[in-house]
Amino acid sequence: MRWMRKFRKLNELRIDLIKSLGIGLCSPMGTVVFMSALDRGYLRDKVGWEGFLIALLLLICGLKCISKVYAVAEDFDLLSERGDDDKSI
């Protein structure tokens, strides 16, 4: 059963890595939206449509990573087994 604990820990680390990647990929679109709310010309003057489309593509990839985290956690039943002190998923 010792290898099961190592396998569980490995899956938890994989979940944390994919979750961090997903949040990082979502941040360019968050920056574009935030800066556009503050400065009306930001999207048109500084980012342009190419930058907006790239940020949108990164947002989609980030959301796919975050949905993969939940799929992996459900597959290995890690959502119900996590302790009360660590509910980061």
PDB file of N, CA and C in Angstrom:
ATOM      1  N   MET A   1       0.804  -1.194   0.000  1.00  0.00           N
ATOM      2  CA  MET A   1       0.000   0.000   0.000  1.00  0.00           C
ATOM      3  C   MET A   1       0.852   1.267   0.000  1.00  0.00           C
ATOM      4  N   ARG A   2       2.136   1.115   0.238  1.00  0.00           N
ATOM      5  CA  ARG A   2       3.017   2.271   0.246  1.00  0.00           C
ATOM      6  C   ARG A   2       3.091   2.903  -1.141  1.00  0.00           C
ATOM      7  N   TRP A   3       3.065   2.097  -2.186  1.00  0.00           N
ATOM      8  CA  TRP A   3       3.129   2.641  -3.542  1.00  0.00           C
ATOM      9  C   TRP A   3       1.841   3.378  -3.892  1.00  0.00           C
ATOM     10  N   MET A   4       0.739   3.033  -3.248  1.00  0.00           N
ATOM     11  CA  MET A   4      -0.517   3.742  -3.491  1.00  0.00           C
ATOM     12  C   MET A   4      -0.440   5.178  -2.968  1.00  0.00           C
ATOM     13  N   ARG A   5       0.222   5.373  -1.809  1.00  0.00           N
ATOM     14  CA  ARG A   5       0.376   6.721  -1.283  1.00  0.00           C
ATOM     15  C   ARG A   5       1.251   7.563  -2.204  1.00  0.00           C
ATOM     16  N   LYS A   6       2.319   6.956  -2.741  1.00  0.00           N
ATOM     17  CA  LYS A   6       3.182   7.688  -3.665  1.00  0.00           C
ATOM     18  C   LYS A   6       2.431   8.024  -4.948  1.00  0.00           C
ATOM     19  N   PHE A   7       1.607   7.097  -5.429  1.00  0.00           N
ATOM     20  CA  PHE A   7       0.825   7.330  -6.638  1.00  0.00           C
ATOM     21  C   PHE A   7      -0.203   8.434  -6.406  1.00  0.00           C
ATOM     22  N   ARG A   8      -0.814   8.453  -5.233  1.00  0.00           N
ATOM     23  CA  ARG A   8      -1.776   9.494  -4.895  1.00  0.00           C
ATOM     24  C   ARG A   8      -1.090  10.850  -4.823  1.00  0.00           C
ATOM     25  N   LYS A   9       0.081  10.889  -4.202  1.00  0.00           N
ATOM     26  CA  LYS A   9       0.831  12.140  -4.101  1.00  0.00           C
ATOM     27  C   LYS A   9       1.246  12.632  -5.489  1.00  0.00           C
ATOM     28  N   LEU A  10       1.638  11.715  -6.351  1.00  0.00           N
ATOM     29  CA  LEU A  10       2.008  12.071  -7.714  1.00  0.00           C
ATOM     30  C   LEU A  10       0.824  12.693  -8.451  1.00  0.00           C
ATOM     31  N   ASN A  11      -0.358  12.131  -8.278  1.00  0.00           N
ATOM     32  CA  ASN A  11      -1.546  12.695  -8.915  1.00  0.00           C
ATOM     33  C   ASN A  11      -1.904  14.057  -8.342  1.00  0.00           C
ATOM     34  N   GLU A  12      -1.713  14.240  -7.039  1.00  0.00           N
ATOM     35  CA  GLU A  12      -1.965  15.548  -6.451  1.00  0.00           C
ATOM     36  C   GLU A  12      -1.001  16.592  -7.002  1.00  0.00           C
ATOM     37  N   LEU A  13       0.256  16.225  -7.168  1.00  0.00           N
ATOM     38  CA  LEU A  13       1.227  17.156  -7.746  1.00  0.00           C
ATOM     39  C   LEU A  13       0.902  17.454  -9.203  1.00  0.00           C
ATOM     40  N   ARG A  14       0.443  16.446  -9.931  1.00  0.00           N
ATOM     41  CA  ARG A  14       0.052  16.658 -11.331  1.00  0.00           C
ATOM     42  C   ARG A  14      -1.143  17.599 -11.415  1.00  0.00           C
ATOM     43  N   ILE A  15      -2.090  17.444 -10.509  1.00  0.00           N
ATOM     44  CA  ILE A  15      -3.252  18.328 -10.478  1.00  0.00           C
ATOM     45  C   ILE A  15      -2.823  19.761 -10.195  1.00  0.00           C
ATOM     46  N   ASP A  16      -1.937  19.947  -9.231  1.00  0.00           N
ATOM     47  CA  ASP A  16      -1.466  21.297  -8.901  1.00  0.00           C
ATOM     48  C   ASP A  16      -0.717  21.928 -10.066  1.00  0.00           C
ATOM     49  N   LEU A  17       0.078  21.147 -10.770  1.00  0.00           N
ATOM     50  CA  LEU A  17       0.822  21.664 -11.916  1.00  0.00           C
ATOM     51  C   LEU A  17      -0.110  22.078 -13.045  1.00  0.00           C
ATOM     52  N   ILE A  18      -1.081  21.238 -13.375  1.00  0.00           N
ATOM     53  CA  ILE A  18      -2.015  21.563 -14.451  1.00  0.00           C
ATOM     54  C   ILE A  18      -2.879  22.758 -14.063  1.00  0.00           C
ATOM     55  N   LYS A  19      -3.273  22.834 -12.773  1.00  0.00           N
ATOM     56  CA  LYS A  19      -4.083  23.961 -12.304  1.00  0.00           C
ATOM     57  C   LYS A  19      -3.291  25.266 -12.409  1.00  0.00           C
ATOM     58  N   SER A  20      -2.035  25.240 -12.030  1.00  0.00           N
ATOM     59  CA  SER A  20      -1.196  26.436 -12.126  1.00  0.00           C
ATOM     60  C   SER A  20      -0.993  26.858 -13.576  1.00  0.00           C
ATOM     61  N   LEU A  21      -0.810  25.884 -14.453  1.00  0.00           N
ATOM     62  CA  LEU A  21      -0.674  26.180 -15.879  1.00  0.00           C
ATOM     63  C   LEU A  21      -1.952  26.809 -16.417  1.00  0.00           C
ATOM     64  N   GLY A  22      -3.099  26.270 -16.022  1.00  0.00           N
ATOM     65  CA  GLY A  22      -4.376  26.821 -16.481  1.00  0.00           C
ATOM     66  C   GLY A  22      -4.593  28.240 -16.028  1.00  0.00           C
ATOM     67  N   ILE A  23      -4.270  28.519 -14.775  1.00  0.00           N
ATOM     68  CA  ILE A  23      -4.431  29.883 -14.264  1.00  0.00           C
ATOM     69  C   ILE A  23      -3.468  30.828 -14.971  1.00  0.00           C
ATOM     70  N   GLY A  24      -2.261  30.368 -15.222  1.00  0.00           N
ATOM     71  CA  GLY A  24      -1.287  31.192 -15.939  1.00  0.00           C
ATOM     72  C   GLY A  24      -1.712  31.490 -17.372  1.00  0.00           C
ATOM     73  N   LEU A  25      -2.348  30.518 -18.018  1.00  0.00           N
ATOM     74  CA  LEU A  25      -2.801  30.738 -19.388  1.00  0.00           C
ATOM     75  C   LEU A  25      -4.029  31.649 -19.450  1.00  0.00           C
ATOM     76  N   CYS A  26      -4.792  31.711 -18.374  1.00  0.00           N
ATOM     77  CA  CYS A  26      -5.959  32.596 -18.342  1.00  0.00           C
ATOM     78  C   CYS A  26      -5.589  34.045 -18.056  1.00  0.00           C
ATOM     79  N   SER A  27      -4.427  34.286 -17.506  1.00  0.00           N
ATOM     80  CA  SER A  27      -4.072  35.632 -17.066  1.00  0.00           C
ATOM     81  C   SER A  27      -3.896  36.662 -18.193  1.00  0.00           C
ATOM     82  N   PRO A  28      -3.415  36.321 -19.416  1.00  0.00           N
ATOM     83  CA  PRO A  28      -3.334  37.368 -20.445  1.00  0.00           C
ATOM     84  C   PRO A  28      -4.698  37.962 -20.805  1.00  0.00           C
ATOM     85  N   MET A  29      -5.734  37.127 -20.874  1.00  0.00           N
ATOM     86  CA  MET A  29      -7.058  37.654 -21.185  1.00  0.00           C
ATOM     87  C   MET A  29      -7.580  38.499 -20.035  1.00  0.00           C
ATOM     88  N   GLY A  30      -7.282  38.095 -18.816  1.00  0.00           N
ATOM     89  CA  GLY A  30      -7.671  38.907 -17.665  1.00  0.00           C
ATOM     90  C   GLY A  30      -7.012  40.273 -17.696  1.00  0.00           C
ATOM     91  N   THR A  31      -5.756  40.297 -18.096  1.00  0.00           N
ATOM     92  CA  THR A  31      -5.045  41.573 -18.204  1.00  0.00           C
ATOM     93  C   THR A  31      -5.646  42.445 -19.297  1.00  0.00           C
ATOM     94  N   VAL A  32      -5.983  41.851 -20.438  1.00  0.00           N
ATOM     95  CA  VAL A  32      -6.586  42.608 -21.542  1.00  0.00           C
ATOM     96  C   VAL A  32      -7.928  43.188 -21.113  1.00  0.00           C
ATOM     97  N   VAL A  33      -8.747  42.389 -20.452  1.00  0.00           N
ATOM     98  CA  VAL A  33     -10.061  42.867 -20.014  1.00  0.00           C
ATOM     99  C   VAL A  33      -9.906  43.963 -18.968  1.00  0.00           C
ATOM    100  N   PHE A  34      -9.015  43.771 -18.005  1.00  0.00           N
ATOM    101  CA  PHE A  34      -8.817  44.766 -16.951  1.00  0.00           C
ATOM    102  C   PHE A  34      -8.298  46.075 -17.532  1.00  0.00           C
ATOM    103  N   MET A  35      -7.306  45.998 -18.386  1.00  0.00           N
ATOM    104  CA  MET A  35      -6.741  47.224 -18.947  1.00  0.00           C
ATOM    105  C   MET A  35      -7.727  47.905 -19.895  1.00  0.00           C
ATOM    106  N   SER A  36      -8.541  47.128 -20.603  1.00  0.00           N
ATOM    107  CA  SER A  36      -9.554  47.727 -21.477  1.00  0.00           C
ATOM    108  C   SER A  36     -10.628  48.433 -20.673  1.00  0.00           C
ATOM    109  N   ALA A  37     -10.913  47.930 -19.478  1.00  0.00           N
ATOM    110  CA  ALA A  37     -11.901  48.594 -18.630  1.00  0.00           C
ATOM    111  C   ALA A  37     -11.366  49.927 -18.118  1.00  0.00           C
ATOM    112  N   LEU A  38     -10.065  50.016 -17.902  1.00  0.00           N
ATOM    113  CA  LEU A  38      -9.473  51.255 -17.405  1.00  0.00           C
ATOM    114  C   LEU A  38      -9.190  52.263 -18.516  1.00  0.00           C
ATOM    115  N   ASP A  39      -8.776  51.757 -19.680  1.00  0.00           N
ATOM    116  CA  ASP A  39      -8.392  52.629 -20.790  1.00  0.00           C
ATOM    117  C   ASP A  39      -9.133  52.152 -22.035  1.00  0.00           C
ATOM    118  N   ARG A  40     -10.052  52.950 -22.534  1.00  0.00           N
ATOM    119  CA  ARG A  40     -10.892  52.546 -23.669  1.00  0.00           C
ATOM    120  C   ARG A  40     -10.087  52.251 -24.937  1.00  0.00           C
ATOM    121  N   GLY A  41      -8.978  52.913 -25.127  1.00  0.00           N
ATOM    122  CA  GLY A  41      -8.188  52.723 -26.341  1.00  0.00           C
ATOM    123  C   GLY A  41      -7.129  51.634 -26.237  1.00  0.00           C
ATOM    124  N   TYR A  42      -7.055  50.966 -25.096  1.00  0.00           N
ATOM    125  CA  TYR A  42      -6.003  49.963 -24.872  1.00  0.00           C
ATOM    126  C   TYR A  42      -6.099  48.820 -25.876  1.00  0.00           C
ATOM    127  N   LEU A  43      -7.291  48.292 -26.069  1.00  0.00           N
ATOM    128  CA  LEU A  43      -7.462  47.157 -26.975  1.00  0.00           C
ATOM    129  C   LEU A  43      -7.142  47.551 -28.410  1.00  0.00           C
ATOM    130  N   ARG A  44      -7.583  48.713 -28.823  1.00  0.00           N
ATOM    131  CA  ARG A  44      -7.380  49.150 -30.194  1.00  0.00           C
ATOM    132  C   ARG A  44      -5.929  49.600 -30.441  1.00  0.00           C
ATOM    133  N   ASP A  45      -5.368  50.376 -29.516  1.00  0.00           N
ATOM    134  CA  ASP A  45      -4.061  50.987 -29.751  1.00  0.00           C
ATOM    135  C   ASP A  45      -2.881  50.086 -29.389  1.00  0.00           C
ATOM    136  N   LYS A  46      -2.960  49.397 -28.273  1.00  0.00           N
ATOM    137  CA  LYS A  46      -1.796  48.671 -27.782  1.00  0.00           C
ATOM    138  C   LYS A  46      -1.826  47.181 -28.071  1.00  0.00           C
ATOM    139  N   VAL A  47      -2.991  46.568 -27.988  1.00  0.00           N
ATOM    140  CA  VAL A  47      -3.070  45.118 -28.150  1.00  0.00           C
ATOM    141  C   VAL A  47      -3.401  44.745 -29.584  1.00  0.00           C
ATOM    142  N   GLY A  48      -4.404  45.339 -30.143  1.00  0.00           N
ATOM    143  CA  GLY A  48      -4.833  45.011 -31.498  1.00  0.00           C
ATOM    144  C   GLY A  48      -5.623  43.696 -31.517  1.00  0.00           C
ATOM    145  N   TRP A  49      -6.165  43.398 -32.674  1.00  0.00           N
ATOM    146  CA  TRP A  49      -6.982  42.189 -32.803  1.00  0.00           C
ATOM    147  C   TRP A  49      -6.150  40.917 -32.740  1.00  0.00           C
ATOM    148  N   GLU A  50      -4.917  40.984 -33.243  1.00  0.00           N
ATOM    149  CA  GLU A  50      -4.062  39.797 -33.177  1.00  0.00           C
ATOM    150  C   GLU A  50      -3.761  39.426 -31.728  1.00  0.00           C
ATOM    151  N   GLY A  51      -3.403  40.424 -30.933  1.00  0.00           N
ATOM    152  CA  GLY A  51      -3.132  40.183 -29.519  1.00  0.00           C
ATOM    153  C   GLY A  51      -4.359  39.699 -28.778  1.00  0.00           C
ATOM    154  N   PHE A  52      -5.534  40.259 -29.128  1.00  0.00           N
ATOM    155  CA  PHE A  52      -6.770  39.828 -28.498  1.00  0.00           C
ATOM    156  C   PHE A  52      -7.072  38.375 -28.840  1.00  0.00           C
ATOM    157  N   LEU A  53      -6.865  37.988 -30.095  1.00  0.00           N
ATOM    158  CA  LEU A  53      -7.129  36.599 -30.500  1.00  0.00           C
ATOM    159  C   LEU A  53      -6.141  35.632 -29.845  1.00  0.00           C
ATOM    160  N   ILE A  54      -4.893  36.057 -29.699  1.00  0.00           N
ATOM    161  CA  ILE A  54      -3.907  35.211 -29.013  1.00  0.00           C
ATOM    162  C   ILE A  54      -4.285  35.045 -27.545  1.00  0.00           C
ATOM    163  N   ALA A  55      -4.693  36.145 -26.902  1.00  0.00           N
ATOM    164  CA  ALA A  55      -5.129  36.061 -25.505  1.00  0.00           C
ATOM    165  C   ALA A  55      -6.371  35.180 -25.366  1.00  0.00           C
ATOM    166  N   LEU A  56      -7.273  35.247 -26.341  1.00  0.00           N
ATOM    167  CA  LEU A  56      -8.467  34.404 -26.324  1.00  0.00           C
ATOM    168  C   LEU A  56      -8.097  32.938 -26.487  1.00  0.00           C
ATOM    169  N   LEU A  57      -7.141  32.644 -27.366  1.00  0.00           N
ATOM    170  CA  LEU A  57      -6.677  31.266 -27.548  1.00  0.00           C
ATOM    171  C   LEU A  57      -6.031  30.738 -26.260  1.00  0.00           C
ATOM    172  N   LEU A  58      -5.219  31.571 -25.613  1.00  0.00           N
ATOM    173  CA  LEU A  58      -4.610  31.169 -24.350  1.00  0.00           C
ATOM    174  C   LEU A  58      -5.660  30.960 -23.265  1.00  0.00           C
ATOM    175  N   LEU A  59      -6.714  31.782 -23.273  1.00  0.00           N
ATOM    176  CA  LEU A  59      -7.806  31.608 -22.312  1.00  0.00           C
ATOM    177  C   LEU A  59      -8.501  30.270 -22.514  1.00  0.00           C
ATOM    178  N   ILE A  60      -8.751  29.912 -23.754  1.00  0.00           N
ATOM    179  CA  ILE A  60      -9.392  28.628 -24.047  1.00  0.00           C
ATOM    180  C   ILE A  60      -8.505  27.473 -23.592  1.00  0.00           C
ATOM    181  N   CYS A  61      -7.200  27.567 -23.850  1.00  0.00           N
ATOM    182  CA  CYS A  61      -6.275  26.523 -23.398  1.00  0.00           C
ATOM    183  C   CYS A  61      -6.239  26.445 -21.868  1.00  0.00           C
ATOM    184  N   GLY A  62      -6.266  27.591 -21.200  1.00  0.00           N
ATOM    185  CA  GLY A  62      -6.280  27.616 -19.744  1.00  0.00           C
ATOM    186  C   GLY A  62      -7.538  26.992 -19.172  1.00  0.00           C
ATOM    187  N   LEU A  63      -8.676  27.273 -19.784  1.00  0.00           N
ATOM    188  CA  LEU A  63      -9.926  26.670 -19.319  1.00  0.00           C
ATOM    189  C   LEU A  63      -9.942  25.163 -19.543  1.00  0.00           C
ATOM    190  N   LYS A  64      -9.334  24.716 -20.635  1.00  0.00           N
ATOM    191  CA  LYS A  64      -9.222  23.268 -20.874  1.00  0.00           C
ATOM    192  C   LYS A  64      -8.344  22.620 -19.813  1.00  0.00           C
ATOM    193  N   CYS A  65      -7.268  23.287 -19.410  1.00  0.00           N
ATOM    194  CA  CYS A  65      -6.396  22.755 -18.356  1.00  0.00           C
ATOM    195  C   CYS A  65      -7.144  22.662 -17.035  1.00  0.00           C
ATOM    196  N   ILE A  66      -7.905  23.685 -16.713  1.00  0.00           N
ATOM    197  CA  ILE A  66      -8.645  23.675 -15.454  1.00  0.00           C
ATOM    198  C   ILE A  66      -9.725  22.597 -15.466  1.00  0.00           C
ATOM    199  N   SER A  67     -10.380  22.390 -16.602  1.00  0.00           N
ATOM    200  CA  SER A  67     -11.378  21.316 -16.669  1.00  0.00           C
ATOM    201  C   SER A  67     -10.707  19.948 -16.593  1.00  0.00           C
ATOM    202  N   LYS A  68      -9.481  19.841 -17.089  1.00  0.00           N
ATOM    203  CA  LYS A  68      -8.731  18.586 -16.995  1.00  0.00           C
ATOM    204  C   LYS A  68      -8.395  18.261 -15.541  1.00  0.00           C
ATOM    205  N   VAL A  69      -8.150  19.295 -14.730  1.00  0.00           N
ATOM    206  CA  VAL A  69      -7.875  19.090 -13.310  1.00  0.00           C
ATOM    207  C   VAL A  69      -9.051  18.380 -12.655  1.00  0.00           C
ATOM    208  N   TYR A  70     -10.254  18.834 -12.934  1.00  0.00           N
ATOM    209  CA  TYR A  70     -11.424  18.202 -12.332  1.00  0.00           C
ATOM    210  C   TYR A  70     -11.634  16.796 -12.857  1.00  0.00           C
ATOM    211  N   ALA A  71     -11.333  16.571 -14.127  1.00  0.00           N
ATOM    212  CA  ALA A  71     -11.468  15.221 -14.684  1.00  0.00           C
ATOM    213  C   ALA A  71     -10.478  14.263 -14.027  1.00  0.00           C
ATOM    214  N   VAL A  72      -9.235  14.695 -13.847  1.00  0.00           N
ATOM    215  CA  VAL A  72      -8.229  13.846 -13.205  1.00  0.00           C
ATOM    216  C   VAL A  72      -8.605  13.589 -11.748  1.00  0.00           C
ATOM    217  N   ALA A  73      -9.070  14.621 -11.054  1.00  0.00           N
ATOM    218  CA  ALA A  73      -9.451  14.464  -9.651  1.00  0.00           C
ATOM    219  C   ALA A  73     -10.639  13.515  -9.505  1.00  0.00           C
ATOM    220  N   GLU A  74     -11.584  13.575 -10.421  1.00  0.00           N
ATOM    221  CA  GLU A  74     -12.721  12.658 -10.366  1.00  0.00           C
ATOM    222  C   GLU A  74     -12.303  11.238 -10.710  1.00  0.00           C
ATOM    223  N   ASP A  75     -11.402  11.088 -11.679  1.00  0.00           N
ATOM    224  CA  ASP A  75     -10.947   9.750 -12.072  1.00  0.00           C
ATOM    225  C   ASP A  75     -10.256   9.035 -10.920  1.00  0.00           C
ATOM    226  N   PHE A  76      -9.486   9.751 -10.159  1.00  0.00           N
ATOM    227  CA  PHE A  76      -8.750   9.133  -9.062  1.00  0.00           C
ATOM    228  C   PHE A  76      -9.425   9.345  -7.719  1.00  0.00           C
ATOM    229  N   ASP A  77     -10.633   9.885  -7.738  1.00  0.00           N
ATOM    230  CA  ASP A  77     -11.428  10.079  -6.526  1.00  0.00           C
ATOM    231  C   ASP A  77     -10.690  10.919  -5.492  1.00  0.00           C
ATOM    232  N   LEU A  78      -9.975  11.931  -5.956  1.00  0.00           N
ATOM    233  CA  LEU A  78      -9.224  12.783  -5.044  1.00  0.00           C
ATOM    234  C   LEU A  78     -10.072  13.913  -4.483  1.00  0.00           C
ATOM    235  N   LEU A  79     -11.204  14.197  -5.101  1.00  0.00           N
ATOM    236  CA  LEU A  79     -12.048  15.274  -4.595  1.00  0.00           C
ATOM    237  C   LEU A  79     -12.658  14.913  -3.248  1.00  0.00           C
ATOM    238  N   SER A  80     -13.079  13.675  -3.103  1.00  0.00           N
ATOM    239  CA  SER A  80     -13.722  13.277  -1.853  1.00  0.00           C
ATOM    240  C   SER A  80     -12.716  12.877  -0.781  1.00  0.00           C
ATOM    241  N   GLU A  81     -11.465  12.577  -1.160  1.00  0.00           N
ATOM    242  CA  GLU A  81     -10.467  12.111  -0.198  1.00  0.00           C
ATOM    243  C   GLU A  81      -9.627  13.221   0.394  1.00  0.00           C
ATOM    244  N   ARG A  82      -9.665  14.416  -0.151  1.00  0.00           N
ATOM    245  CA  ARG A  82      -8.812  15.495   0.348  1.00  0.00           C
ATOM    246  C   ARG A  82      -9.239  15.879   1.751  1.00  0.00           C
ATOM    247  N   GLY A  83      -8.278  16.302   2.537  1.00  0.00           N
ATOM    248  CA  GLY A  83      -8.553  16.706   3.917  1.00  0.00           C
ATOM    249  C   GLY A  83      -9.315  18.005   3.970  1.00  0.00           C
ATOM    250  N   ASP A  84      -9.877  18.292   5.108  1.00  0.00           N
ATOM    251  CA  ASP A  84     -10.648  19.516   5.285  1.00  0.00           C
ATOM    252  C   ASP A  84      -9.776  20.763   5.223  1.00  0.00           C
ATOM    253  N   ASP A  85      -8.498  20.635   5.589  1.00  0.00           N
ATOM    254  CA  ASP A  85      -7.624  21.793   5.610  1.00  0.00           C
ATOM    255  C   ASP A  85      -7.114  22.167   4.231  1.00  0.00           C
ATOM    256  N   ASP A  86      -7.234  21.296   3.233  1.00  0.00           N
ATOM    257  CA  ASP A  86      -6.729  21.590   1.886  1.00  0.00           C
ATOM    258  C   ASP A  86      -7.849  21.389   0.878  1.00  0.00           C
ATOM    259  N   LYS A  87      -8.576  22.430   0.605  1.00  0.00           N
ATOM    260  CA  LYS A  87      -9.659  22.365  -0.361  1.00  0.00           C
ATOM    261  C   LYS A  87      -9.332  23.304  -1.532  1.00  0.00           C
ATOM    262  N   SER A  88      -8.146  23.144  -2.101  1.00  0.00           N
ATOM    263  CA  SER A  88      -7.695  24.066  -3.141  1.00  0.00           C
ATOM    264  C   SER A  88      -8.213  23.707  -4.522  1.00  0.00           C
ATOM    265  N   ILE A  89      -8.858  22.571  -4.670  1.00  0.00           N
ATOM    266  CA  ILE A  89      -9.375  22.197  -6.003  1.00  0.00           C
ATOM    267  C   ILE A  89     -10.764  22.742  -6.172  1.00  0.00           C
TER     268      ILE A  89
END
